[in-house]
Each structure stands twice: as structure tokens, then as C-alpha cells.
N, C-alpha and C. Protein backbone atom coordinates (compact mmCIF):
# COMPACT_ATOMS: atom_id res chain seq x y z
N MET A 1 0.84 -1.18 0.00
CA MET A 1 0.00 0.00 0.00
C MET A 1 0.88 1.24 0.00
N VAL A 2 0.59 2.18 -0.86
CA VAL A 2 1.34 3.42 -0.95
C VAL A 2 0.72 4.42 0.02
N ALA A 3 1.55 5.02 0.84
CA ALA A 3 1.05 6.03 1.78
C ALA A 3 0.88 7.35 1.05
N THR A 4 -0.14 8.08 1.41
CA THR A 4 -0.33 9.41 0.84
C THR A 4 0.08 10.45 1.85
N ARG A 5 0.34 11.62 1.37
CA ARG A 5 0.80 12.71 2.23
C ARG A 5 -0.34 13.29 3.07
N TYR A 6 -1.55 13.12 2.62
CA TYR A 6 -2.68 13.78 3.24
C TYR A 6 -3.63 12.77 3.87
N ALA A 7 -4.36 13.24 4.87
CA ALA A 7 -5.32 12.37 5.56
C ALA A 7 -6.45 11.98 4.60
N ILE A 8 -6.86 10.73 4.68
CA ILE A 8 -7.96 10.24 3.86
C ILE A 8 -9.25 10.33 4.69
N ILE A 9 -10.20 11.06 4.18
CA ILE A 9 -11.50 11.21 4.83
C ILE A 9 -12.53 10.53 3.94
N PRO A 10 -13.35 9.63 4.49
CA PRO A 10 -14.34 8.96 3.65
C PRO A 10 -15.25 9.97 2.95
N ASP A 11 -15.55 9.71 1.67
CA ASP A 11 -16.41 10.59 0.90
C ASP A 11 -17.75 10.74 1.61
N GLY A 12 -18.26 11.95 1.66
CA GLY A 12 -19.55 12.20 2.29
C GLY A 12 -19.46 12.52 3.77
N THR A 13 -18.26 12.44 4.36
CA THR A 13 -18.08 12.80 5.77
C THR A 13 -18.53 14.23 5.97
N ARG A 14 -19.15 14.49 7.10
CA ARG A 14 -19.62 15.85 7.38
C ARG A 14 -18.44 16.69 7.86
N GLY A 15 -18.23 17.81 7.19
CA GLY A 15 -17.15 18.71 7.56
C GLY A 15 -17.67 19.81 8.47
N ARG A 16 -16.93 20.91 8.49
CA ARG A 16 -17.38 22.06 9.28
C ARG A 16 -18.77 22.49 8.84
N ARG A 17 -19.56 22.90 9.76
CA ARG A 17 -20.94 23.37 9.52
C ARG A 17 -21.85 22.25 9.00
N GLY A 18 -21.43 20.98 9.17
CA GLY A 18 -22.29 19.85 8.82
C GLY A 18 -22.44 19.60 7.34
N VAL A 19 -21.62 20.25 6.48
CA VAL A 19 -21.72 20.09 5.03
C VAL A 19 -20.91 18.86 4.62
N PRO A 20 -21.47 17.98 3.77
CA PRO A 20 -20.71 16.80 3.36
C PRO A 20 -19.42 17.19 2.61
N VAL A 21 -18.34 16.48 2.91
CA VAL A 21 -17.06 16.70 2.24
C VAL A 21 -16.92 15.62 1.16
N HIS A 22 -16.78 16.05 -0.07
CA HIS A 22 -16.66 15.11 -1.18
C HIS A 22 -15.21 15.06 -1.65
N LEU A 23 -14.89 14.06 -2.43
CA LEU A 23 -13.52 13.80 -2.85
C LEU A 23 -12.85 15.03 -3.45
N ILE A 24 -13.50 15.68 -4.40
CA ILE A 24 -12.85 16.82 -5.06
C ILE A 24 -12.62 17.95 -4.06
N ASP A 25 -13.54 18.14 -3.12
CA ASP A 25 -13.32 19.15 -2.08
C ASP A 25 -12.07 18.81 -1.28
N ARG A 26 -11.89 17.54 -0.94
CA ARG A 26 -10.70 17.13 -0.18
C ARG A 26 -9.45 17.36 -1.01
N LEU A 27 -9.52 17.09 -2.31
CA LEU A 27 -8.35 17.28 -3.17
C LEU A 27 -7.98 18.76 -3.25
N VAL A 28 -8.97 19.63 -3.33
CA VAL A 28 -8.69 21.06 -3.35
C VAL A 28 -8.04 21.48 -2.03
N GLY A 29 -8.48 20.91 -0.93
CA GLY A 29 -7.84 21.17 0.36
C GLY A 29 -6.40 20.69 0.36
N ASN A 30 -6.14 19.53 -0.24
CA ASN A 30 -4.77 19.03 -0.37
C ASN A 30 -3.92 20.01 -1.17
N ALA A 31 -4.50 20.57 -2.23
CA ALA A 31 -3.77 21.53 -3.06
C ALA A 31 -3.41 22.79 -2.27
N ASP A 32 -4.30 23.20 -1.39
CA ASP A 32 -4.01 24.35 -0.54
C ASP A 32 -2.83 24.04 0.39
N GLU A 33 -2.83 22.85 0.95
CA GLU A 33 -1.72 22.44 1.83
C GLU A 33 -0.42 22.34 1.04
N TRP A 34 -0.50 21.78 -0.17
CA TRP A 34 0.66 21.68 -1.06
C TRP A 34 1.26 23.06 -1.31
N ALA A 35 0.42 24.02 -1.61
CA ALA A 35 0.88 25.38 -1.93
C ALA A 35 1.60 26.03 -0.75
N ARG A 36 1.18 25.71 0.47
CA ARG A 36 1.84 26.29 1.65
C ARG A 36 3.31 25.87 1.74
N ASP A 37 3.62 24.63 1.28
CA ASP A 37 4.98 24.09 1.34
C ASP A 37 5.71 24.17 0.01
N PHE A 38 5.13 24.82 -0.99
CA PHE A 38 5.64 24.79 -2.36
C PHE A 38 6.96 25.53 -2.50
N THR A 39 7.93 24.86 -3.15
CA THR A 39 9.25 25.47 -3.35
C THR A 39 9.77 25.29 -4.78
N ALA A 40 8.92 24.81 -5.68
CA ALA A 40 9.40 24.47 -7.04
C ALA A 40 9.03 25.51 -8.09
N GLY A 41 8.73 26.73 -7.69
CA GLY A 41 8.31 27.76 -8.62
C GLY A 41 9.35 28.20 -9.62
N GLU A 42 10.60 27.87 -9.37
CA GLU A 42 11.68 28.29 -10.26
C GLU A 42 12.06 27.23 -11.29
N LEU A 43 11.38 26.09 -11.30
CA LEU A 43 11.70 25.04 -12.27
C LEU A 43 11.45 25.54 -13.69
N ALA A 44 12.31 25.13 -14.61
CA ALA A 44 12.15 25.50 -16.02
C ALA A 44 11.01 24.70 -16.64
N VAL A 45 10.41 25.25 -17.69
CA VAL A 45 9.35 24.53 -18.39
C VAL A 45 9.91 23.32 -19.14
N GLN A 46 11.18 23.37 -19.54
CA GLN A 46 11.81 22.24 -20.21
C GLN A 46 12.26 21.22 -19.16
N PRO A 47 11.93 19.93 -19.35
CA PRO A 47 12.37 18.92 -18.38
C PRO A 47 13.90 18.83 -18.34
N SER A 48 14.47 18.86 -17.15
CA SER A 48 15.93 18.92 -17.00
C SER A 48 16.64 17.68 -17.54
N LEU A 49 15.98 16.53 -17.52
CA LEU A 49 16.61 15.31 -18.05
C LEU A 49 16.31 15.09 -19.53
N ARG A 50 15.54 15.99 -20.12
CA ARG A 50 15.18 15.91 -21.54
C ARG A 50 14.50 14.57 -21.85
N LEU A 51 13.64 14.14 -20.95
CA LEU A 51 13.00 12.83 -21.00
C LEU A 51 11.49 12.97 -21.08
N ALA A 52 10.87 12.13 -21.93
CA ALA A 52 9.41 12.00 -21.96
C ALA A 52 9.06 10.57 -21.58
N VAL A 53 8.08 10.41 -20.71
CA VAL A 53 7.62 9.10 -20.26
C VAL A 53 6.18 8.92 -20.72
N VAL A 54 5.94 7.86 -21.48
CA VAL A 54 4.60 7.53 -21.96
C VAL A 54 4.15 6.29 -21.19
N ALA A 55 3.03 6.39 -20.49
CA ALA A 55 2.61 5.28 -19.63
C ALA A 55 1.10 5.14 -19.61
N CYS A 56 0.67 3.99 -19.11
CA CYS A 56 -0.75 3.75 -18.90
C CYS A 56 -1.25 4.62 -17.76
N GLN A 57 -2.54 4.91 -17.78
CA GLN A 57 -3.16 5.73 -16.74
C GLN A 57 -3.47 4.94 -15.48
N ASP A 58 -3.19 3.65 -15.44
CA ASP A 58 -3.53 2.79 -14.31
C ASP A 58 -3.06 3.40 -12.98
N SER A 59 -3.93 3.37 -11.99
CA SER A 59 -3.63 4.00 -10.70
C SER A 59 -2.54 3.27 -9.91
N ARG A 60 -2.23 2.04 -10.29
CA ARG A 60 -1.16 1.30 -9.59
C ARG A 60 0.22 1.64 -10.12
N LEU A 61 0.28 2.35 -11.22
CA LEU A 61 1.54 2.69 -11.86
C LEU A 61 1.90 4.14 -11.56
N ASP A 62 3.01 4.34 -10.87
CA ASP A 62 3.51 5.66 -10.51
C ASP A 62 4.85 5.85 -11.22
N PRO A 63 4.83 6.35 -12.48
CA PRO A 63 6.07 6.45 -13.25
C PRO A 63 7.14 7.28 -12.56
N GLN A 64 6.77 8.36 -11.93
CA GLN A 64 7.74 9.22 -11.28
C GLN A 64 8.44 8.48 -10.14
N GLY A 65 7.67 7.83 -9.29
CA GLY A 65 8.26 7.07 -8.20
C GLY A 65 9.04 5.86 -8.68
N LEU A 66 8.47 5.14 -9.65
CA LEU A 66 9.11 3.94 -10.19
C LEU A 66 10.48 4.24 -10.76
N LEU A 67 10.59 5.33 -11.50
CA LEU A 67 11.84 5.67 -12.18
C LEU A 67 12.75 6.56 -11.34
N GLY A 68 12.29 6.94 -10.15
CA GLY A 68 13.11 7.76 -9.27
C GLY A 68 13.29 9.19 -9.76
N LEU A 69 12.25 9.72 -10.40
CA LEU A 69 12.33 11.06 -10.97
C LEU A 69 11.68 12.08 -10.05
N GLY A 70 12.22 13.28 -10.09
CA GLY A 70 11.68 14.36 -9.29
C GLY A 70 10.95 15.39 -10.14
N PRO A 71 10.36 16.39 -9.49
CA PRO A 71 9.67 17.45 -10.22
C PRO A 71 10.60 18.15 -11.20
N GLY A 72 10.08 18.44 -12.38
CA GLY A 72 10.84 19.18 -13.38
C GLY A 72 11.81 18.36 -14.20
N GLU A 73 11.88 17.05 -13.96
CA GLU A 73 12.88 16.24 -14.66
C GLU A 73 12.37 15.60 -15.95
N ALA A 74 11.06 15.39 -16.09
CA ALA A 74 10.53 14.69 -17.26
C ALA A 74 9.10 15.14 -17.56
N HIS A 75 8.67 14.87 -18.78
CA HIS A 75 7.26 14.99 -19.15
C HIS A 75 6.60 13.63 -18.93
N TYR A 76 5.36 13.63 -18.48
CA TYR A 76 4.60 12.39 -18.29
C TYR A 76 3.35 12.47 -19.13
N MET A 77 3.17 11.49 -20.01
CA MET A 77 2.02 11.44 -20.89
C MET A 77 1.33 10.10 -20.68
N ARG A 78 0.05 10.15 -20.35
CA ARG A 78 -0.64 8.92 -19.96
C ARG A 78 -1.98 8.81 -20.67
N ASN A 79 -2.35 7.58 -20.96
CA ASN A 79 -3.68 7.28 -21.47
C ASN A 79 -4.00 5.82 -21.15
N ALA A 80 -5.18 5.39 -21.51
CA ALA A 80 -5.58 4.00 -21.28
C ALA A 80 -4.68 3.07 -22.09
N GLY A 81 -3.91 2.24 -21.42
CA GLY A 81 -3.02 1.29 -22.07
C GLY A 81 -1.61 1.81 -22.30
N GLY A 82 -1.41 3.12 -22.23
CA GLY A 82 -0.10 3.67 -22.55
C GLY A 82 0.24 3.55 -24.02
N THR A 83 -0.78 3.37 -24.84
CA THR A 83 -0.62 3.17 -26.27
C THR A 83 -0.28 4.49 -26.97
N VAL A 84 0.60 4.43 -27.93
CA VAL A 84 0.95 5.63 -28.69
C VAL A 84 -0.12 5.84 -29.77
N THR A 85 -1.01 6.76 -29.47
CA THR A 85 -2.10 7.14 -30.36
C THR A 85 -1.70 8.43 -31.09
N ASP A 86 -2.57 8.90 -31.98
CA ASP A 86 -2.30 10.18 -32.65
C ASP A 86 -2.14 11.30 -31.63
N ASP A 87 -2.98 11.31 -30.59
CA ASP A 87 -2.87 12.37 -29.61
C ASP A 87 -1.57 12.26 -28.81
N MET A 88 -1.12 11.03 -28.55
CA MET A 88 0.16 10.86 -27.85
C MET A 88 1.31 11.34 -28.74
N LEU A 89 1.23 11.05 -30.03
CA LEU A 89 2.25 11.56 -30.96
C LEU A 89 2.27 13.08 -30.96
N ARG A 90 1.10 13.70 -30.94
CA ARG A 90 1.01 15.16 -30.88
C ARG A 90 1.75 15.68 -29.65
N SER A 91 1.53 15.06 -28.51
CA SER A 91 2.20 15.49 -27.28
C SER A 91 3.71 15.29 -27.36
N LEU A 92 4.14 14.18 -27.94
CA LEU A 92 5.58 13.92 -28.07
C LEU A 92 6.24 14.90 -29.03
N VAL A 93 5.54 15.24 -30.12
CA VAL A 93 6.07 16.22 -31.07
C VAL A 93 6.31 17.56 -30.36
N ILE A 94 5.33 18.01 -29.59
CA ILE A 94 5.47 19.28 -28.86
C ILE A 94 6.57 19.17 -27.81
N SER A 95 6.63 18.04 -27.12
CA SER A 95 7.65 17.82 -26.10
C SER A 95 9.06 17.91 -26.68
N GLN A 96 9.25 17.31 -27.85
CA GLN A 96 10.58 17.34 -28.46
C GLN A 96 10.87 18.66 -29.18
N ARG A 97 9.96 19.10 -30.00
CA ARG A 97 10.25 20.25 -30.85
C ARG A 97 10.27 21.58 -30.10
N PHE A 98 9.49 21.72 -29.04
CA PHE A 98 9.41 23.00 -28.35
C PHE A 98 9.92 22.97 -26.91
N LEU A 99 10.06 21.77 -26.34
CA LEU A 99 10.43 21.71 -24.92
C LEU A 99 11.67 20.87 -24.67
N GLY A 100 12.36 20.46 -25.73
CA GLY A 100 13.71 19.94 -25.61
C GLY A 100 13.91 18.50 -25.21
N THR A 101 12.86 17.67 -25.16
CA THR A 101 13.11 16.28 -24.78
C THR A 101 13.81 15.53 -25.91
N ARG A 102 14.58 14.53 -25.54
CA ARG A 102 15.35 13.76 -26.53
C ARG A 102 15.20 12.25 -26.36
N GLU A 103 14.85 11.79 -25.16
CA GLU A 103 14.69 10.36 -24.91
C GLU A 103 13.24 10.07 -24.53
N ILE A 104 12.78 8.86 -24.90
CA ILE A 104 11.39 8.47 -24.61
C ILE A 104 11.39 7.08 -23.98
N VAL A 105 10.71 6.98 -22.85
CA VAL A 105 10.49 5.70 -22.18
C VAL A 105 9.00 5.40 -22.25
N LEU A 106 8.65 4.21 -22.70
CA LEU A 106 7.26 3.77 -22.73
C LEU A 106 7.07 2.70 -21.66
N ILE A 107 5.95 2.77 -20.92
CA ILE A 107 5.68 1.79 -19.88
C ILE A 107 4.25 1.26 -20.01
N HIS A 108 4.14 -0.02 -20.34
CA HIS A 108 2.89 -0.77 -20.25
C HIS A 108 2.95 -1.52 -18.91
N HIS A 109 1.91 -2.27 -18.57
CA HIS A 109 1.96 -3.02 -17.31
C HIS A 109 1.10 -4.27 -17.38
N THR A 110 1.44 -5.22 -16.52
CA THR A 110 0.65 -6.45 -16.42
C THR A 110 -0.72 -6.13 -15.83
N ASP A 111 -1.68 -7.02 -16.05
CA ASP A 111 -3.04 -6.88 -15.53
C ASP A 111 -3.69 -5.58 -15.99
N CYS A 112 -3.39 -5.17 -17.21
CA CYS A 112 -3.95 -3.92 -17.77
C CYS A 112 -5.42 -4.09 -18.10
N GLY A 113 -6.19 -3.07 -17.83
CA GLY A 113 -7.61 -3.10 -18.17
C GLY A 113 -7.86 -3.24 -19.66
N MET A 114 -6.94 -2.79 -20.49
CA MET A 114 -7.11 -2.87 -21.95
C MET A 114 -7.00 -4.31 -22.46
N LEU A 115 -6.59 -5.24 -21.60
CA LEU A 115 -6.54 -6.66 -21.95
C LEU A 115 -7.87 -7.35 -21.66
N ARG A 116 -8.81 -6.66 -21.04
CA ARG A 116 -10.03 -7.29 -20.52
C ARG A 116 -11.26 -7.16 -21.41
N PHE A 117 -11.15 -6.43 -22.50
CA PHE A 117 -12.29 -6.28 -23.41
C PHE A 117 -11.74 -6.02 -24.80
N THR A 118 -12.62 -6.01 -25.79
CA THR A 118 -12.19 -5.76 -27.17
C THR A 118 -12.74 -4.41 -27.64
N ASP A 119 -12.15 -3.92 -28.72
CA ASP A 119 -12.64 -2.68 -29.33
C ASP A 119 -14.13 -2.81 -29.64
N ASP A 120 -14.49 -3.93 -30.30
CA ASP A 120 -15.89 -4.12 -30.71
C ASP A 120 -16.85 -4.14 -29.52
N GLN A 121 -16.45 -4.74 -28.40
CA GLN A 121 -17.32 -4.75 -27.23
C GLN A 121 -17.65 -3.33 -26.78
N LEU A 122 -16.64 -2.51 -26.64
CA LEU A 122 -16.87 -1.14 -26.19
C LEU A 122 -17.65 -0.34 -27.24
N LEU A 123 -17.25 -0.45 -28.50
CA LEU A 123 -17.94 0.31 -29.55
C LEU A 123 -19.40 -0.10 -29.65
N ASP A 124 -19.68 -1.41 -29.56
CA ASP A 124 -21.07 -1.88 -29.61
C ASP A 124 -21.87 -1.37 -28.41
N ASP A 125 -21.26 -1.39 -27.23
CA ASP A 125 -21.95 -0.88 -26.03
C ASP A 125 -22.26 0.61 -26.17
N LEU A 126 -21.28 1.38 -26.64
CA LEU A 126 -21.49 2.81 -26.81
C LEU A 126 -22.58 3.09 -27.84
N HIS A 127 -22.55 2.32 -28.93
CA HIS A 127 -23.57 2.50 -29.97
C HIS A 127 -24.96 2.15 -29.43
N ALA A 128 -25.05 1.07 -28.67
CA ALA A 128 -26.34 0.67 -28.11
C ALA A 128 -26.87 1.73 -27.14
N GLU A 129 -26.00 2.36 -26.37
CA GLU A 129 -26.42 3.34 -25.38
C GLU A 129 -26.71 4.71 -25.99
N THR A 130 -25.96 5.11 -27.01
CA THR A 130 -26.07 6.48 -27.51
C THR A 130 -26.57 6.59 -28.94
N GLY A 131 -26.53 5.47 -29.68
CA GLY A 131 -26.89 5.51 -31.09
C GLY A 131 -25.75 6.01 -31.97
N MET A 132 -24.58 6.23 -31.37
CA MET A 132 -23.42 6.74 -32.12
C MET A 132 -22.19 5.90 -31.82
N ARG A 133 -21.23 5.97 -32.75
CA ARG A 133 -19.92 5.38 -32.52
C ARG A 133 -18.90 6.51 -32.47
N PRO A 134 -17.94 6.44 -31.53
CA PRO A 134 -16.94 7.50 -31.46
C PRO A 134 -16.04 7.49 -32.69
N THR A 135 -15.42 8.61 -32.95
CA THR A 135 -14.49 8.71 -34.08
C THR A 135 -13.08 8.28 -33.69
N TRP A 136 -12.80 8.15 -32.38
CA TRP A 136 -11.47 7.76 -31.93
C TRP A 136 -11.34 6.24 -31.86
N ALA A 137 -10.11 5.78 -32.00
CA ALA A 137 -9.82 4.35 -31.92
C ALA A 137 -9.71 3.92 -30.46
N VAL A 138 -10.23 2.75 -30.13
CA VAL A 138 -10.17 2.24 -28.76
C VAL A 138 -8.78 1.67 -28.47
N GLU A 139 -8.26 0.86 -29.36
CA GLU A 139 -6.91 0.29 -29.29
C GLU A 139 -6.68 -0.64 -28.10
N THR A 140 -7.63 -1.56 -27.87
CA THR A 140 -7.36 -2.62 -26.91
C THR A 140 -6.30 -3.55 -27.51
N PHE A 141 -5.77 -4.44 -26.69
CA PHE A 141 -4.76 -5.38 -27.18
C PHE A 141 -4.83 -6.66 -26.37
N ASP A 142 -4.27 -7.74 -26.93
CA ASP A 142 -4.23 -9.01 -26.20
C ASP A 142 -2.81 -9.50 -25.96
N ASP A 143 -1.82 -8.67 -26.34
CA ASP A 143 -0.42 -9.03 -26.16
C ASP A 143 0.35 -7.77 -25.78
N LEU A 144 0.76 -7.69 -24.51
CA LEU A 144 1.46 -6.50 -24.01
C LEU A 144 2.70 -6.18 -24.83
N ASP A 145 3.54 -7.19 -25.05
CA ASP A 145 4.81 -6.96 -25.75
C ASP A 145 4.57 -6.48 -27.17
N ALA A 146 3.62 -7.10 -27.86
CA ALA A 146 3.34 -6.71 -29.25
C ALA A 146 2.81 -5.28 -29.32
N ASP A 147 1.94 -4.90 -28.37
CA ASP A 147 1.42 -3.53 -28.39
C ASP A 147 2.52 -2.53 -28.06
N LEU A 148 3.40 -2.89 -27.15
CA LEU A 148 4.52 -2.02 -26.81
C LEU A 148 5.44 -1.83 -28.02
N ARG A 149 5.72 -2.92 -28.73
CA ARG A 149 6.54 -2.81 -29.95
C ARG A 149 5.86 -1.94 -31.00
N GLN A 150 4.56 -2.09 -31.14
CA GLN A 150 3.82 -1.26 -32.10
C GLN A 150 3.91 0.21 -31.70
N SER A 151 3.79 0.50 -30.42
CA SER A 151 3.89 1.88 -29.94
C SER A 151 5.29 2.44 -30.21
N MET A 152 6.33 1.64 -29.96
CA MET A 152 7.69 2.10 -30.26
C MET A 152 7.85 2.38 -31.75
N ARG A 153 7.29 1.51 -32.60
CA ARG A 153 7.37 1.72 -34.06
C ARG A 153 6.66 3.00 -34.48
N ARG A 154 5.52 3.28 -33.87
CA ARG A 154 4.80 4.50 -34.21
C ARG A 154 5.64 5.73 -33.93
N ILE A 155 6.43 5.68 -32.89
CA ILE A 155 7.31 6.81 -32.57
C ILE A 155 8.49 6.86 -33.55
N THR A 156 9.17 5.72 -33.72
CA THR A 156 10.40 5.73 -34.51
C THR A 156 10.15 5.94 -36.00
N THR A 157 8.93 5.69 -36.46
CA THR A 157 8.63 5.89 -37.88
C THR A 157 7.90 7.20 -38.16
N SER A 158 7.59 7.95 -37.11
CA SER A 158 6.89 9.22 -37.31
C SER A 158 7.82 10.24 -37.95
N PRO A 159 7.41 10.86 -39.03
CA PRO A 159 8.25 11.89 -39.64
C PRO A 159 8.28 13.19 -38.83
N PHE A 160 7.41 13.29 -37.83
CA PHE A 160 7.28 14.53 -37.07
C PHE A 160 8.11 14.55 -35.78
N ILE A 161 8.59 13.40 -35.35
CA ILE A 161 9.39 13.31 -34.13
C ILE A 161 10.85 13.25 -34.53
N PRO A 162 11.62 14.29 -34.22
CA PRO A 162 12.99 14.37 -34.73
C PRO A 162 13.99 13.45 -34.04
N HIS A 163 13.77 13.10 -32.77
CA HIS A 163 14.76 12.32 -32.02
C HIS A 163 14.17 10.96 -31.66
N THR A 164 14.53 9.96 -32.45
CA THR A 164 13.95 8.62 -32.25
C THR A 164 15.01 7.56 -31.96
N ASP A 165 16.24 7.97 -31.72
CA ASP A 165 17.32 7.00 -31.51
C ASP A 165 17.36 6.45 -30.09
N ARG A 166 16.67 7.12 -29.14
CA ARG A 166 16.66 6.64 -27.76
C ARG A 166 15.21 6.48 -27.28
N VAL A 167 14.57 5.44 -27.82
CA VAL A 167 13.20 5.08 -27.46
C VAL A 167 13.25 3.66 -26.91
N ARG A 168 12.82 3.48 -25.67
CA ARG A 168 12.84 2.16 -25.06
C ARG A 168 11.52 1.87 -24.39
N GLY A 169 11.13 0.60 -24.41
CA GLY A 169 9.85 0.19 -23.85
C GLY A 169 10.00 -0.84 -22.75
N PHE A 170 9.10 -0.75 -21.76
CA PHE A 170 9.15 -1.63 -20.60
C PHE A 170 7.74 -2.06 -20.21
N VAL A 171 7.66 -3.24 -19.59
CA VAL A 171 6.43 -3.69 -18.96
C VAL A 171 6.66 -3.64 -17.45
N TYR A 172 5.80 -2.93 -16.76
CA TYR A 172 5.83 -2.87 -15.30
C TYR A 172 4.99 -4.02 -14.79
N GLU A 173 5.58 -4.83 -13.91
CA GLU A 173 4.85 -5.96 -13.33
C GLU A 173 4.19 -5.49 -12.05
N VAL A 174 2.86 -5.32 -12.08
CA VAL A 174 2.15 -4.79 -10.91
C VAL A 174 2.24 -5.75 -9.74
N GLU A 175 2.51 -7.02 -10.02
CA GLU A 175 2.59 -8.01 -8.95
C GLU A 175 3.90 -7.93 -8.17
N THR A 176 4.98 -7.49 -8.82
CA THR A 176 6.30 -7.49 -8.18
C THR A 176 6.94 -6.11 -8.08
N GLY A 177 6.43 -5.14 -8.84
CA GLY A 177 7.02 -3.80 -8.86
C GLY A 177 8.25 -3.70 -9.76
N ARG A 178 8.52 -4.72 -10.55
CA ARG A 178 9.72 -4.74 -11.40
C ARG A 178 9.40 -4.31 -12.82
N LEU A 179 10.43 -3.81 -13.52
CA LEU A 179 10.34 -3.47 -14.94
C LEU A 179 11.00 -4.58 -15.76
N ARG A 180 10.38 -4.89 -16.88
CA ARG A 180 10.96 -5.84 -17.84
C ARG A 180 11.04 -5.12 -19.18
N GLU A 181 12.24 -5.07 -19.76
CA GLU A 181 12.38 -4.36 -21.03
C GLU A 181 11.89 -5.22 -22.19
N VAL A 182 11.24 -4.55 -23.12
CA VAL A 182 10.78 -5.15 -24.37
C VAL A 182 11.47 -4.39 -25.49
N THR A 183 12.24 -5.08 -26.29
CA THR A 183 12.95 -4.41 -27.38
C THR A 183 12.07 -4.33 -28.62
N ALA A 184 12.38 -3.39 -29.46
CA ALA A 184 11.60 -3.19 -30.69
C ALA A 184 11.69 -4.41 -31.60
N THR A 185 12.81 -5.13 -31.52
CA THR A 185 13.01 -6.28 -32.41
C THR A 185 12.60 -7.60 -31.78
N GLY A 186 12.39 -7.62 -30.47
CA GLY A 186 12.05 -8.86 -29.79
C GLY A 186 13.28 -9.62 -29.32
N ARG A 187 14.47 -9.06 -29.57
CA ARG A 187 15.71 -9.69 -29.11
C ARG A 187 15.93 -9.38 -27.63
N ASN A 188 17.05 -9.83 -27.09
CA ASN A 188 17.36 -9.60 -25.69
C ASN A 188 17.34 -8.12 -25.34
N ALA A 189 16.96 -7.86 -24.09
CA ALA A 189 16.86 -6.48 -23.62
C ALA A 189 18.22 -5.81 -23.57
N HIS A 190 18.18 -4.51 -23.60
CA HIS A 190 19.37 -3.65 -23.51
C HIS A 190 20.14 -3.99 -22.23
N PRO A 191 21.46 -4.05 -22.27
CA PRO A 191 22.23 -4.33 -21.06
C PRO A 191 21.91 -3.31 -19.96
N GLY A 192 21.78 -3.82 -18.75
CA GLY A 192 21.50 -2.95 -17.61
C GLY A 192 20.01 -2.73 -17.37
N ALA A 193 19.15 -3.35 -18.19
CA ALA A 193 17.71 -3.18 -17.99
C ALA A 193 17.28 -3.96 -16.77
N GLY A 194 16.22 -3.48 -16.16
CA GLY A 194 15.69 -4.18 -14.97
C GLY A 194 15.16 -5.54 -15.33
N GLY A 195 15.01 -6.40 -14.29
CA GLY A 195 14.38 -7.69 -14.51
C GLY A 195 15.26 -8.81 -14.33
């Protein structure tokens, strides 16, 4: 269990004046406490390590803690599955071209929610509920390594991303907390990789 910096109050608890305290209210209170101790106002907009991290949005994955990174050291880009979509490419292009990043780390993880359903299941459900299908791709997958390799290829073959020589992909094992490197070619991992 990861400890949080702030006290956890059950949602709906009565606060001052008997008004229920809801999650977002508690988070805003946390932000006020954060601001009282804030000392990072002088950090540059460009990440100091020139690193972009692309990861799944899963709540069990803490890329900053996992990689030992501090504030101002990297960009973090997250979505369902950590898949490199058009929008993720857009963010990486801006990160490299205007904010100086040069290396990219991709992190997928075991027990991912994107392994639990198919594109068609979600699209059919949405169509049944709304009468419409979204214009965006769902991009579920059934093979973590294959999807990670596809994401790395999308970066390295993009004509819009200028620095593609240092792109590496990893699977975070939620059961053990370890990283396992997945190479673009499927050969042995880079020397010094975790696992």
C-alpha cells in the first residue's frame, strides 16, 4: 500500500458546519496544503533530463516514483493502455520540438484493463447506449509486448518526431514492482535493464 501525504477522509463525511465533504473538495484542500509548502516555482518549463515518459493511466503505476524522478525532470504522458495514439504523438512532437526532450520511455503493465475487453465490445456498447460510434480508436490489445513494440514503431517511424534514436519500452509488473524491457526487435533487452 502506498502512503499518501494527506489524511484520507471517507467521501460524504460531514465537515465544518455539517456540510458533506466530497472527494474533489478534499483534493482542493490538499492543493491548498501543497501550496503552503511549495518550493518548485523556479523550475524550467523544459524537463531537465530531456526525457518524456509515456505510460498507462492505471492507478497502480507511478512512473515518477518507479523511475526515481523528481519534479521538473521529465514529461509524463498517460492514457488508457499507454498506447501511442495520434494524440500521444502530438504530445511527443510538442515535447521534443518545443520543450527539448530527446529520450522516450514507454511503460505498459501487467493486468492492464485494456486486456479485458475488445474494441468491438466497447464500440457496440457505446452505440447501443447512444446511437453513435466514437471517431477515436479504442486500441485494446491481447499481447502487451506486441502492443509495446507497435507503440515504439509508431514513434520511430513518425516523420514529425525528430529524435527517435533513444526510445525504449518496458512492462511494469504490478505483482512485483519490477520493470521488464521489451525491445523493438524482440531480441534480448538492452544491457542494464531491470528484470
